[in-house]
Amino acid sequence: MVLAPLPDPGPPSLAVAPEPCPQPQQSPSLDNPTPFPNLGPSENPLKRLLVPGEEWEFEVTAFYRGRQVFQQTISCPEGLRLVGSEVGDRTLPGWPITLPDPGVSLTDRGVMSYVRHVL
């Protein structure tokens, strides 16, 4: 490691005096703050695109290991949810679409277990 002397700042008579930092000015609105509007739970902006009572058609296709095992077209206004063959939580919203048990189509027990876990 090499230590070098600091550069010579020049004669003391040429020293530059630091400028004082400007003080932030207070805005008159800070003295009388306006209350924030009541921001309740905001509505989903996509909800405006949906017309109540309109039928929505969904095409559901399931593949296990690249082979199609299920295909169904369903119309349901409240949406859908994909579930496994076991009895799931019926209190969740959406029409439950039960996908086929992977044991019917798959022979690899590891993959079968993984697919059941995902479902």
N, C-alpha and C. Protein backbone atom coordinates (compact mmCIF):
# COMPACT_ATOMS: atom_id res chain seq x y z
N MET A 1 0.85 -1.16 0.00
CA MET A 1 0.00 0.00 0.00
C MET A 1 0.90 1.22 0.00
N VAL A 2 0.58 2.21 -0.81
CA VAL A 2 1.38 3.43 -0.91
C VAL A 2 0.52 4.58 -0.43
N LEU A 3 1.06 5.35 0.49
CA LEU A 3 0.35 6.53 0.98
C LEU A 3 0.92 7.75 0.28
N ALA A 4 0.08 8.56 -0.29
CA ALA A 4 0.52 9.77 -0.97
C ALA A 4 -0.02 10.97 -0.22
N PRO A 5 0.70 12.08 -0.26
CA PRO A 5 0.21 13.27 0.43
C PRO A 5 -1.03 13.81 -0.28
N LEU A 6 -1.86 14.48 0.48
CA LEU A 6 -3.06 15.10 -0.08
C LEU A 6 -2.65 16.25 -0.98
N PRO A 7 -3.41 16.52 -2.04
CA PRO A 7 -3.05 17.64 -2.90
C PRO A 7 -3.14 18.95 -2.14
N ASP A 8 -2.28 19.88 -2.54
CA ASP A 8 -2.22 21.18 -1.88
C ASP A 8 -3.45 21.99 -2.26
N PRO A 9 -4.28 22.43 -1.29
CA PRO A 9 -5.48 23.18 -1.62
C PRO A 9 -5.19 24.60 -2.06
N GLY A 10 -3.96 25.03 -2.03
CA GLY A 10 -3.62 26.39 -2.43
C GLY A 10 -3.44 27.27 -1.21
N PRO A 11 -3.15 28.53 -1.44
CA PRO A 11 -2.95 29.43 -0.31
C PRO A 11 -4.23 29.59 0.49
N PRO A 12 -4.10 29.82 1.80
CA PRO A 12 -5.30 29.96 2.64
C PRO A 12 -6.15 31.15 2.26
N SER A 13 -5.60 32.15 1.60
CA SER A 13 -6.39 33.33 1.24
C SER A 13 -7.38 33.04 0.12
N LEU A 14 -7.17 31.94 -0.62
CA LEU A 14 -8.06 31.59 -1.72
C LEU A 14 -9.09 30.53 -1.34
N ALA A 15 -9.21 30.27 -0.07
CA ALA A 15 -10.16 29.25 0.37
C ALA A 15 -11.58 29.67 0.01
N VAL A 16 -12.35 28.73 -0.42
CA VAL A 16 -13.74 29.01 -0.80
C VAL A 16 -14.63 28.73 0.40
N ALA A 17 -15.43 29.72 0.73
CA ALA A 17 -16.35 29.56 1.86
C ALA A 17 -17.55 28.75 1.38
N PRO A 18 -17.96 27.75 2.15
CA PRO A 18 -19.12 26.97 1.73
C PRO A 18 -20.38 27.81 1.77
N GLU A 19 -21.23 27.59 0.78
CA GLU A 19 -22.50 28.31 0.74
C GLU A 19 -23.44 27.70 1.76
N PRO A 20 -24.24 28.53 2.42
CA PRO A 20 -25.20 27.96 3.38
C PRO A 20 -26.28 27.19 2.63
N CYS A 21 -26.73 26.13 3.24
CA CYS A 21 -27.80 25.33 2.65
C CYS A 21 -29.09 26.12 2.69
N PRO A 22 -29.85 26.14 1.61
CA PRO A 22 -31.13 26.86 1.64
C PRO A 22 -32.10 26.15 2.58
N GLN A 23 -32.81 26.93 3.34
CA GLN A 23 -33.80 26.39 4.26
C GLN A 23 -35.09 26.10 3.49
N PRO A 24 -35.68 24.95 3.72
CA PRO A 24 -36.94 24.66 3.02
C PRO A 24 -38.02 25.62 3.47
N GLN A 25 -38.77 26.11 2.50
CA GLN A 25 -39.85 27.02 2.81
C GLN A 25 -41.12 26.22 3.02
N GLN A 26 -41.85 26.63 4.04
CA GLN A 26 -43.09 25.92 4.32
C GLN A 26 -44.20 26.48 3.46
N SER A 27 -44.98 25.61 2.96
CA SER A 27 -46.13 26.00 2.16
C SER A 27 -47.26 26.43 3.08
N PRO A 28 -48.04 27.42 2.67
CA PRO A 28 -49.17 27.82 3.52
C PRO A 28 -50.17 26.69 3.71
N SER A 29 -50.21 25.75 2.79
CA SER A 29 -51.18 24.66 2.92
C SER A 29 -50.79 23.70 4.04
N LEU A 30 -49.52 23.73 4.47
CA LEU A 30 -49.11 22.86 5.57
C LEU A 30 -49.66 23.34 6.90
N ASP A 31 -49.94 24.65 6.99
CA ASP A 31 -50.49 25.17 8.23
C ASP A 31 -51.93 24.69 8.43
N ASN A 32 -52.67 24.57 7.35
CA ASN A 32 -54.06 24.12 7.40
C ASN A 32 -54.20 22.90 6.49
N PRO A 33 -53.75 21.74 6.96
CA PRO A 33 -53.82 20.58 6.08
C PRO A 33 -55.27 20.19 5.79
N THR A 34 -55.50 19.79 4.55
CA THR A 34 -56.84 19.33 4.18
C THR A 34 -56.95 17.85 4.51
N PRO A 35 -58.07 17.42 5.00
CA PRO A 35 -58.21 16.00 5.34
C PRO A 35 -58.22 15.16 4.07
N PHE A 36 -57.67 13.95 4.20
CA PHE A 36 -57.65 13.03 3.08
C PHE A 36 -59.05 12.48 2.86
N PRO A 37 -59.43 12.26 1.60
CA PRO A 37 -60.74 11.65 1.37
C PRO A 37 -60.76 10.23 1.89
N ASN A 38 -61.93 9.78 2.26
CA ASN A 38 -62.08 8.43 2.79
C ASN A 38 -61.85 7.44 1.65
N LEU A 39 -60.72 6.76 1.71
CA LEU A 39 -60.39 5.79 0.67
C LEU A 39 -60.77 4.40 1.16
N GLY A 40 -61.99 4.02 0.93
CA GLY A 40 -62.46 2.70 1.31
C GLY A 40 -61.92 1.67 0.34
N PRO A 41 -62.35 0.44 0.46
CA PRO A 41 -61.88 -0.58 -0.47
C PRO A 41 -62.28 -0.21 -1.89
N SER A 42 -61.30 -0.19 -2.77
CA SER A 42 -61.58 0.22 -4.14
C SER A 42 -62.20 -0.95 -4.92
N GLU A 43 -63.02 -0.59 -5.87
CA GLU A 43 -63.68 -1.59 -6.70
C GLU A 43 -62.73 -2.02 -7.81
N ASN A 44 -62.80 -3.27 -8.17
CA ASN A 44 -61.97 -3.79 -9.25
C ASN A 44 -62.34 -3.07 -10.54
N PRO A 45 -61.37 -2.42 -11.23
CA PRO A 45 -61.71 -1.68 -12.44
C PRO A 45 -62.21 -2.57 -13.58
N LEU A 46 -61.88 -3.85 -13.54
CA LEU A 46 -62.36 -4.76 -14.58
C LEU A 46 -63.82 -5.11 -14.40
N LYS A 47 -64.34 -4.87 -13.20
CA LYS A 47 -65.73 -5.23 -12.93
C LYS A 47 -66.69 -4.44 -13.82
N ARG A 48 -66.28 -3.23 -14.22
CA ARG A 48 -67.13 -2.42 -15.08
C ARG A 48 -67.31 -3.05 -16.46
N LEU A 49 -66.37 -3.89 -16.85
CA LEU A 49 -66.47 -4.54 -18.16
C LEU A 49 -67.48 -5.69 -18.16
N LEU A 50 -67.79 -6.20 -16.99
CA LEU A 50 -68.70 -7.34 -16.89
C LEU A 50 -70.13 -6.85 -16.77
N VAL A 51 -70.99 -7.42 -17.55
CA VAL A 51 -72.41 -7.09 -17.49
C VAL A 51 -73.07 -8.13 -16.59
N PRO A 52 -73.77 -7.69 -15.53
CA PRO A 52 -74.41 -8.68 -14.65
C PRO A 52 -75.38 -9.56 -15.42
N GLY A 53 -75.35 -10.83 -15.11
CA GLY A 53 -76.25 -11.77 -15.75
C GLY A 53 -75.80 -12.24 -17.11
N GLU A 54 -74.69 -11.69 -17.60
CA GLU A 54 -74.21 -12.10 -18.92
C GLU A 54 -73.60 -13.50 -18.82
N GLU A 55 -73.87 -14.31 -19.80
CA GLU A 55 -73.32 -15.67 -19.81
C GLU A 55 -71.89 -15.65 -20.33
N TRP A 56 -71.04 -16.33 -19.63
CA TRP A 56 -69.65 -16.48 -20.05
C TRP A 56 -69.43 -17.94 -20.39
N GLU A 57 -68.78 -18.17 -21.50
CA GLU A 57 -68.52 -19.53 -21.95
C GLU A 57 -67.02 -19.80 -21.82
N PHE A 58 -66.70 -20.89 -21.13
CA PHE A 58 -65.31 -21.28 -20.92
C PHE A 58 -65.07 -22.64 -21.56
N GLU A 59 -63.94 -22.77 -22.20
CA GLU A 59 -63.53 -24.07 -22.73
C GLU A 59 -62.36 -24.54 -21.88
N VAL A 60 -62.54 -25.66 -21.21
CA VAL A 60 -61.52 -26.20 -20.32
C VAL A 60 -60.96 -27.47 -20.95
N THR A 61 -59.66 -27.50 -21.13
CA THR A 61 -58.98 -28.67 -21.67
C THR A 61 -57.83 -29.01 -20.73
N ALA A 62 -57.75 -30.27 -20.30
CA ALA A 62 -56.67 -30.71 -19.40
C ALA A 62 -55.82 -31.74 -20.11
N PHE A 63 -54.52 -31.61 -19.91
CA PHE A 63 -53.54 -32.55 -20.47
C PHE A 63 -52.72 -33.12 -19.33
N TYR A 64 -52.54 -34.43 -19.33
CA TYR A 64 -51.62 -35.09 -18.39
C TYR A 64 -50.50 -35.69 -19.23
N ARG A 65 -49.29 -35.24 -18.99
CA ARG A 65 -48.10 -35.72 -19.72
C ARG A 65 -48.28 -35.59 -21.23
N GLY A 66 -48.86 -34.47 -21.67
CA GLY A 66 -49.01 -34.20 -23.09
C GLY A 66 -50.18 -34.87 -23.76
N ARG A 67 -50.96 -35.65 -23.01
CA ARG A 67 -52.13 -36.33 -23.58
C ARG A 67 -53.40 -35.67 -23.07
N GLN A 68 -54.29 -35.33 -23.99
CA GLN A 68 -55.54 -34.70 -23.58
C GLN A 68 -56.42 -35.71 -22.85
N VAL A 69 -56.83 -35.35 -21.64
CA VAL A 69 -57.65 -36.26 -20.84
C VAL A 69 -59.03 -35.67 -20.53
N PHE A 70 -59.23 -34.40 -20.86
CA PHE A 70 -60.49 -33.77 -20.49
C PHE A 70 -60.72 -32.56 -21.38
N GLN A 71 -61.96 -32.40 -21.83
CA GLN A 71 -62.34 -31.17 -22.54
C GLN A 71 -63.82 -30.95 -22.32
N GLN A 72 -64.16 -29.72 -21.94
CA GLN A 72 -65.55 -29.40 -21.68
C GLN A 72 -65.75 -27.91 -21.92
N THR A 73 -66.87 -27.55 -22.49
CA THR A 73 -67.26 -26.15 -22.64
C THR A 73 -68.42 -25.92 -21.69
N ILE A 74 -68.31 -24.88 -20.89
CA ILE A 74 -69.32 -24.62 -19.87
C ILE A 74 -69.66 -23.14 -19.86
N SER A 75 -70.94 -22.83 -19.68
CA SER A 75 -71.40 -21.46 -19.55
C SER A 75 -71.76 -21.23 -18.09
N CYS A 76 -71.12 -20.26 -17.49
CA CYS A 76 -71.45 -19.94 -16.10
C CYS A 76 -71.12 -18.47 -15.84
N PRO A 77 -72.10 -17.70 -15.38
CA PRO A 77 -71.88 -16.26 -15.18
C PRO A 77 -70.97 -15.94 -14.00
N GLU A 78 -70.91 -16.81 -13.01
CA GLU A 78 -70.12 -16.49 -11.82
C GLU A 78 -68.69 -17.00 -11.89
N GLY A 79 -68.25 -17.47 -13.04
CA GLY A 79 -66.88 -17.95 -13.19
C GLY A 79 -66.77 -19.42 -12.83
N LEU A 80 -65.54 -19.92 -12.89
CA LEU A 80 -65.33 -21.33 -12.58
C LEU A 80 -64.03 -21.49 -11.81
N ARG A 81 -63.87 -22.67 -11.26
CA ARG A 81 -62.62 -23.04 -10.58
C ARG A 81 -62.35 -24.51 -10.86
N LEU A 82 -61.09 -24.83 -11.06
CA LEU A 82 -60.69 -26.20 -11.35
C LEU A 82 -60.39 -26.92 -10.05
N VAL A 83 -60.95 -28.11 -9.89
CA VAL A 83 -60.76 -28.89 -8.66
C VAL A 83 -60.37 -30.31 -9.03
N GLY A 84 -59.76 -30.99 -8.07
CA GLY A 84 -59.41 -32.39 -8.25
C GLY A 84 -60.61 -33.28 -7.99
N SER A 85 -60.39 -34.59 -8.06
CA SER A 85 -61.49 -35.53 -7.89
C SER A 85 -61.93 -35.66 -6.43
N GLU A 86 -61.07 -35.22 -5.48
CA GLU A 86 -61.46 -35.25 -4.07
C GLU A 86 -62.46 -34.14 -3.80
N VAL A 87 -63.27 -34.33 -2.77
CA VAL A 87 -64.25 -33.31 -2.41
C VAL A 87 -63.49 -32.10 -1.88
N GLY A 88 -63.70 -30.94 -2.52
CA GLY A 88 -63.01 -29.72 -2.12
C GLY A 88 -63.91 -28.81 -1.31
N ASP A 89 -63.46 -27.61 -1.11
CA ASP A 89 -64.20 -26.61 -0.36
C ASP A 89 -65.32 -26.06 -1.24
N ARG A 90 -66.53 -26.38 -0.90
CA ARG A 90 -67.68 -25.96 -1.71
C ARG A 90 -68.11 -24.52 -1.41
N THR A 91 -67.47 -23.87 -0.44
CA THR A 91 -67.85 -22.50 -0.11
C THR A 91 -67.12 -21.48 -0.98
N LEU A 92 -66.13 -21.92 -1.75
CA LEU A 92 -65.40 -21.00 -2.61
C LEU A 92 -66.27 -20.58 -3.79
N PRO A 93 -66.06 -19.36 -4.30
CA PRO A 93 -66.89 -18.90 -5.42
C PRO A 93 -66.50 -19.60 -6.72
N GLY A 94 -67.43 -19.60 -7.65
CA GLY A 94 -67.17 -20.18 -8.97
C GLY A 94 -67.72 -21.59 -9.08
N TRP A 95 -68.04 -21.96 -10.29
CA TRP A 95 -68.57 -23.29 -10.58
C TRP A 95 -67.42 -24.28 -10.58
N PRO A 96 -67.47 -25.34 -9.74
CA PRO A 96 -66.34 -26.28 -9.70
C PRO A 96 -66.33 -27.20 -10.93
N ILE A 97 -65.20 -27.26 -11.59
CA ILE A 97 -64.98 -28.17 -12.71
C ILE A 97 -64.04 -29.25 -12.21
N THR A 98 -64.55 -30.48 -12.08
CA THR A 98 -63.74 -31.58 -11.56
C THR A 98 -62.92 -32.19 -12.68
N LEU A 99 -61.61 -32.12 -12.52
CA LEU A 99 -60.70 -32.71 -13.50
C LEU A 99 -60.55 -34.20 -13.21
N PRO A 100 -60.25 -35.01 -14.22
CA PRO A 100 -60.16 -36.46 -14.01
C PRO A 100 -59.02 -36.83 -13.07
N ASP A 101 -59.22 -37.94 -12.38
CA ASP A 101 -58.18 -38.45 -11.49
C ASP A 101 -56.97 -38.84 -12.33
N PRO A 102 -55.77 -38.39 -11.95
CA PRO A 102 -54.59 -38.72 -12.75
C PRO A 102 -54.26 -40.21 -12.75
N GLY A 103 -54.76 -40.97 -11.78
CA GLY A 103 -54.49 -42.40 -11.72
C GLY A 103 -55.10 -43.17 -12.87
N VAL A 104 -56.13 -42.62 -13.50
CA VAL A 104 -56.78 -43.28 -14.62
C VAL A 104 -55.91 -43.20 -15.87
N SER A 105 -55.20 -42.09 -16.05
CA SER A 105 -54.44 -41.86 -17.29
C SER A 105 -52.94 -42.04 -17.14
N LEU A 106 -52.43 -41.93 -15.93
CA LEU A 106 -50.98 -41.95 -15.73
C LEU A 106 -50.53 -43.27 -15.11
N THR A 107 -49.37 -43.74 -15.53
CA THR A 107 -48.81 -44.97 -14.95
C THR A 107 -47.62 -44.65 -14.05
N ASP A 108 -46.96 -43.53 -14.25
CA ASP A 108 -45.82 -43.13 -13.44
C ASP A 108 -46.33 -42.62 -12.09
N ARG A 109 -46.02 -43.36 -11.02
CA ARG A 109 -46.55 -43.01 -9.69
C ARG A 109 -46.04 -41.65 -9.20
N GLY A 110 -44.82 -41.31 -9.55
CA GLY A 110 -44.27 -40.01 -9.14
C GLY A 110 -45.04 -38.86 -9.76
N VAL A 111 -45.27 -38.97 -11.06
CA VAL A 111 -46.03 -37.93 -11.76
C VAL A 111 -47.47 -37.91 -11.28
N MET A 112 -48.03 -39.08 -11.06
CA MET A 112 -49.41 -39.18 -10.57
C MET A 112 -49.54 -38.46 -9.22
N SER A 113 -48.58 -38.68 -8.34
CA SER A 113 -48.60 -38.03 -7.03
C SER A 113 -48.47 -36.52 -7.16
N TYR A 114 -47.60 -36.09 -8.07
CA TYR A 114 -47.39 -34.66 -8.27
C TYR A 114 -48.67 -33.99 -8.80
N VAL A 115 -49.32 -34.61 -9.78
CA VAL A 115 -50.54 -34.04 -10.36
C VAL A 115 -51.64 -33.99 -9.31
N ARG A 116 -51.77 -35.03 -8.50
CA ARG A 116 -52.77 -35.02 -7.43
C ARG A 116 -52.49 -33.91 -6.43
N HIS A 117 -51.22 -33.69 -6.14
CA HIS A 117 -50.85 -32.63 -5.20
C HIS A 117 -51.23 -31.26 -5.76
N VAL A 118 -50.99 -31.04 -7.06
CA VAL A 118 -51.33 -29.77 -7.69
C VAL A 118 -52.84 -29.56 -7.70
N LEU A 119 -53.58 -30.62 -7.98
CA LEU A 119 -55.03 -30.50 -8.01
C LEU A 119 -55.57 -30.34 -6.61
